[in-house]
C-alpha atoms as a PDB file:
ATOM      1  CA  GLN A   1       0.000   0.000   0.000  1.00  0.00           C
ATOM      2  CA  VAL A   2       1.011   3.581  -0.509  1.00  0.00           C
ATOM      3  CA  GLN A   3       1.178   6.081   2.346  1.00  0.00           C
ATOM      4  CA  LEU A   4       0.668   9.769   1.602  1.00  0.00           C
ATOM      5  CA  GLY A   5       1.724  12.862   3.516  1.00  0.00           C
ATOM      6  CA  GLU A   6       0.849  16.449   2.613  1.00  0.00           C
ATOM      7  CA  SER A   7       2.837  19.565   3.456  1.00  0.00           C
ATOM      8  CA  GLY A   8       3.015  23.191   2.429  1.00  0.00           C
ATOM      9  CA  GLY A   9      -0.219  24.547   3.821  1.00  0.00           C
ATOM     10  CA  GLY A  10      -0.415  27.756   5.797  1.00  0.00           C
ATOM     11  CA  LEU A  11      -1.849  31.242   6.053  1.00  0.00           C
ATOM     12  CA  VAL A  12      -1.607  33.528   3.036  1.00  0.00           C
ATOM     13  CA  GLN A  13      -3.228  36.772   1.958  1.00  0.00           C
ATOM     14  CA  ALA A  14      -5.650  36.870  -0.929  1.00  0.00           C
ATOM     15  CA  GLY A  15      -3.756  37.021  -4.200  1.00  0.00           C
ATOM     16  CA  GLY A  16      -0.843  35.086  -2.789  1.00  0.00           C
ATOM     17  CA  SER A  17       0.540  31.663  -3.642  1.00  0.00           C
ATOM     18  CA  LEU A  18       1.265  28.367  -1.950  1.00  0.00           C
ATOM     19  CA  ARG A  19       2.669  25.080  -3.171  1.00  0.00           C
ATOM     20  CA  LEU A  20       1.395  21.917  -1.578  1.00  0.00           C
ATOM     21  CA  SER A  21       3.416  18.722  -1.708  1.00  0.00           C
ATOM     22  CA  CYS A  22       2.249  15.149  -1.328  1.00  0.00           C
ATOM     23  CA  ALA A  23       5.056  12.712  -0.623  1.00  0.00           C
ATOM     24  CA  ALA A  24       4.431   9.014  -1.010  1.00  0.00           C
ATOM     25  CA  SER A  25       6.085   6.052   0.645  1.00  0.00           C
ATOM     26  CA  GLY A  26       5.614   2.336   0.403  1.00  0.00           C
ATOM     27  CA  ARG A  27       4.878   2.186  -3.312  1.00  0.00           C
ATOM     28  CA  ALA A  28       5.869   4.080  -6.424  1.00  0.00           C
ATOM     29  CA  LEU A  29       3.491   6.923  -7.255  1.00  0.00           C
ATOM     30  CA  SER A  30       3.974   6.199 -10.936  1.00  0.00           C
ATOM     31  CA  SER A  31       1.493   3.333 -10.518  1.00  0.00           C
ATOM     32  CA  TYR A  32      -1.283   5.607  -9.256  1.00  0.00           C
ATOM     33  CA  HIS A  33      -3.658   8.235 -10.522  1.00  0.00           C
ATOM     34  CA  MET A  34      -3.367  11.154  -8.099  1.00  0.00           C
ATOM     35  CA  GLY A  35      -5.738  13.838  -6.948  1.00  0.00           C
ATOM     36  CA  TRP A  36      -6.058  16.836  -4.691  1.00  0.00           C
ATOM     37  CA  PHE A  37      -9.307  17.393  -2.815  1.00  0.00           C
ATOM     38  CA  ARG A  38     -10.396  19.990  -0.300  1.00  0.00           C
ATOM     39  CA  GLN A  39     -12.972  20.319   2.434  1.00  0.00           C
ATOM     40  CA  ALA A  40     -14.091  23.582   3.991  1.00  0.00           C
ATOM     41  CA  PRO A  41     -15.841  23.659   7.384  1.00  0.00           C
ATOM     42  CA  GLY A  42     -19.441  22.546   7.090  1.00  0.00           C
ATOM     43  CA  LYS A  43     -19.063  21.596   3.437  1.00  0.00           C
ATOM     44  CA  GLU A  44     -18.575  18.408   1.511  1.00  0.00           C
ATOM     45  CA  ARG A  45     -15.197  17.366   0.193  1.00  0.00           C
ATOM     46  CA  ASP A  46     -14.622  18.744  -3.305  1.00  0.00           C
ATOM     47  CA  ASP A  47     -12.514  17.548  -6.184  1.00  0.00           C
ATOM     48  CA  VAL A  48      -9.799  20.134  -6.960  1.00  0.00           C
ATOM     49  CA  ALA A  49      -7.382  18.619  -9.463  1.00  0.00           C
ATOM     50  CA  ARG A  50      -6.265  15.268 -10.781  1.00  0.00           C
ATOM     51  CA  ILE A  51      -3.266  13.980 -12.659  1.00  0.00           C
ATOM     52  CA  TYR A  52      -3.452  10.592 -14.280  1.00  0.00           C
ATOM     53  CA  ILE A  53      -0.681   8.078 -14.816  1.00  0.00           C
ATOM     54  CA  GLY A  54      -0.172   9.222 -18.410  1.00  0.00           C
ATOM     55  CA  GLY A  55       0.023  12.881 -17.374  1.00  0.00           C
ATOM     56  CA  THR A  56      -3.470  14.020 -18.320  1.00  0.00           C
ATOM     57  CA  THR A  57      -4.821  16.592 -15.888  1.00  0.00           C
ATOM     58  CA  TYR A  58      -8.251  17.672 -14.723  1.00  0.00           C
ATOM     59  CA  TYR A  59      -9.214  20.816 -12.810  1.00  0.00           C
ATOM     60  CA  ALA A  60     -12.379  21.930 -11.119  1.00  0.00           C
ATOM     61  CA  ASP A  61     -13.829  25.029 -12.773  1.00  0.00           C
ATOM     62  CA  SER A  62     -13.262  27.022  -9.598  1.00  0.00           C
ATOM     63  CA  VAL A  63      -9.465  26.609  -9.810  1.00  0.00           C
ATOM     64  CA  LYS A  64      -8.806  26.511 -13.566  1.00  0.00           C
ATOM     65  CA  GLY A  65      -6.124  28.961 -14.564  1.00  0.00           C
ATOM     66  CA  ARG A  66      -4.978  29.426 -10.965  1.00  0.00           C
ATOM     67  CA  PHE A  67      -3.898  25.966  -9.762  1.00  0.00           C
ATOM     68  CA  THR A  68      -1.475  23.560 -11.389  1.00  0.00           C
ATOM     69  CA  ILE A  69      -1.068  19.903 -10.480  1.00  0.00           C
ATOM     70  CA  SER A  70       2.168  18.106 -11.325  1.00  0.00           C
ATOM     71  CA  ARG A  71       3.991  14.959 -10.413  1.00  0.00           C
ATOM     72  CA  ASP A  72       7.657  14.064 -10.039  1.00  0.00           C
ATOM     73  CA  ASN A  73       7.813  10.294 -10.137  1.00  0.00           C
ATOM     74  CA  ALA A  74      11.546  10.327  -9.396  1.00  0.00           C
ATOM     75  CA  LYS A  75      10.812  12.097  -6.105  1.00  0.00           C
ATOM     76  CA  ASN A  76       7.593  10.127  -5.551  1.00  0.00           C
ATOM     77  CA  THR A  77       5.825  13.433  -4.989  1.00  0.00           C
ATOM     78  CA  VAL A  78       2.803  15.240  -6.356  1.00  0.00           C
ATOM     79  CA  TYR A  79       2.450  19.003  -6.164  1.00  0.00           C
ATOM     80  CA  LEU A  80      -0.351  21.535  -6.254  1.00  0.00           C
ATOM     81  CA  GLN A  81       0.799  25.033  -7.157  1.00  0.00           C
ATOM     82  CA  MET A  82      -1.875  27.488  -6.070  1.00  0.00           C
ATOM     83  CA  ASN A  83      -1.727  31.061  -7.368  1.00  0.00           C
ATOM     84  CA  SER A  84      -4.101  34.022  -7.062  1.00  0.00           C
ATOM     85  CA  LEU A  85      -5.570  32.512  -3.940  1.00  0.00           C
ATOM     86  CA  LYS A  86      -8.999  33.629  -2.782  1.00  0.00           C
ATOM     87  CA  PRO A  87     -10.637  33.441   0.657  1.00  0.00           C
ATOM     88  CA  GLU A  88     -13.008  30.807  -0.729  1.00  0.00           C
ATOM     89  CA  ASP A  89      -9.990  28.534  -1.292  1.00  0.00           C
ATOM     90  CA  THR A  90      -9.698  28.179   2.486  1.00  0.00           C
ATOM     91  CA  ALA A  91     -10.005  24.486   3.355  1.00  0.00           C
ATOM     92  CA  VAL A  92      -8.153  21.396   4.441  1.00  0.00           C
ATOM     93  CA  TYR A  93      -6.449  20.011   1.347  1.00  0.00           C
ATOM     94  CA  TYR A  94      -5.979  16.277   0.932  1.00  0.00           C
ATOM     95  CA  CYS A  95      -4.043  14.306  -1.615  1.00  0.00           C
ATOM     96  CA  ALA A  96      -5.290  10.925  -2.683  1.00  0.00           C
ATOM     97  CA  ALA A  97      -4.239   8.029  -4.863  1.00  0.00           C
ATOM     98  CA  LYS A  98      -5.950   5.251  -6.750  1.00  0.00           C
ATOM     99  CA  LEU A  99      -4.747   2.408  -8.876  1.00  0.00           C
ATOM    100  CA  SER A 100      -5.711   2.512 -12.532  1.00  0.00           C
ATOM    101  CA  TYR A 101      -8.392  -0.159 -12.128  1.00  0.00           C
ATOM    102  CA  SER A 102      -9.978   1.378  -9.032  1.00  0.00           C
ATOM    103  CA  SER A 103     -13.177   3.350  -9.316  1.00  0.00           C
ATOM    104  CA  ASP A 104     -12.508   5.435  -6.220  1.00  0.00           C
ATOM    105  CA  PHE A 105      -9.570   7.151  -4.612  1.00  0.00           C
ATOM    106  CA  ASN A 106      -8.850   4.857  -1.705  1.00  0.00           C
ATOM    107  CA  TYR A 107      -5.532   6.095  -0.312  1.00  0.00           C
ATOM    108  CA  TRP A 108      -5.587   9.429   1.501  1.00  0.00           C
ATOM    109  CA  GLY A 109      -3.197  11.699   3.310  1.00  0.00           C
ATOM    110  CA  GLN A 110      -3.932  13.389   6.626  1.00  0.00           C
ATOM    111  CA  GLY A 111      -4.573  16.800   5.073  1.00  0.00           C
ATOM    112  CA  THR A 112      -2.976  20.216   5.311  1.00  0.00           C
ATOM    113  CA  GLN A 113      -4.766  23.435   6.231  1.00  0.00           C
ATOM    114  CA  VAL A 114      -4.804  26.331   3.778  1.00  0.00           C
ATOM    115  CA  THR A 115      -6.184  29.626   5.035  1.00  0.00           C
ATOM    116  CA  VAL A 116      -6.534  32.637   2.751  1.00  0.00           C
ATOM    117  CA  SER A 117      -7.207  35.947   4.454  1.00  0.00           C
ATOM    118  CA  SER A 118      -9.013  38.803   2.742  1.00  0.00           C
END
């Protein structure tokens, strides 16, 4: 099984940037589709961005043009570069992994808090 650990969250002013990292251990990330999700207080967990094994990416409409997901298989790490941050981006951000044949993301990190002040 793969274990995931996020880092890079923090407090930033609106318009600022953060880069989240998701480091994997136990298995090679190159075997997994990867995603970033977020959950704000009192809200459901939302899909933010995905990067598939072949490199194809997906972004939620709310983050298109501002966030960039990437992966470095040599470092076994996935990144989420977040620019032009808005207060509504405030949430706990989770990275997740799934094998190519899995329907759901079934490996999750512990989450990292991102707070954007206005």
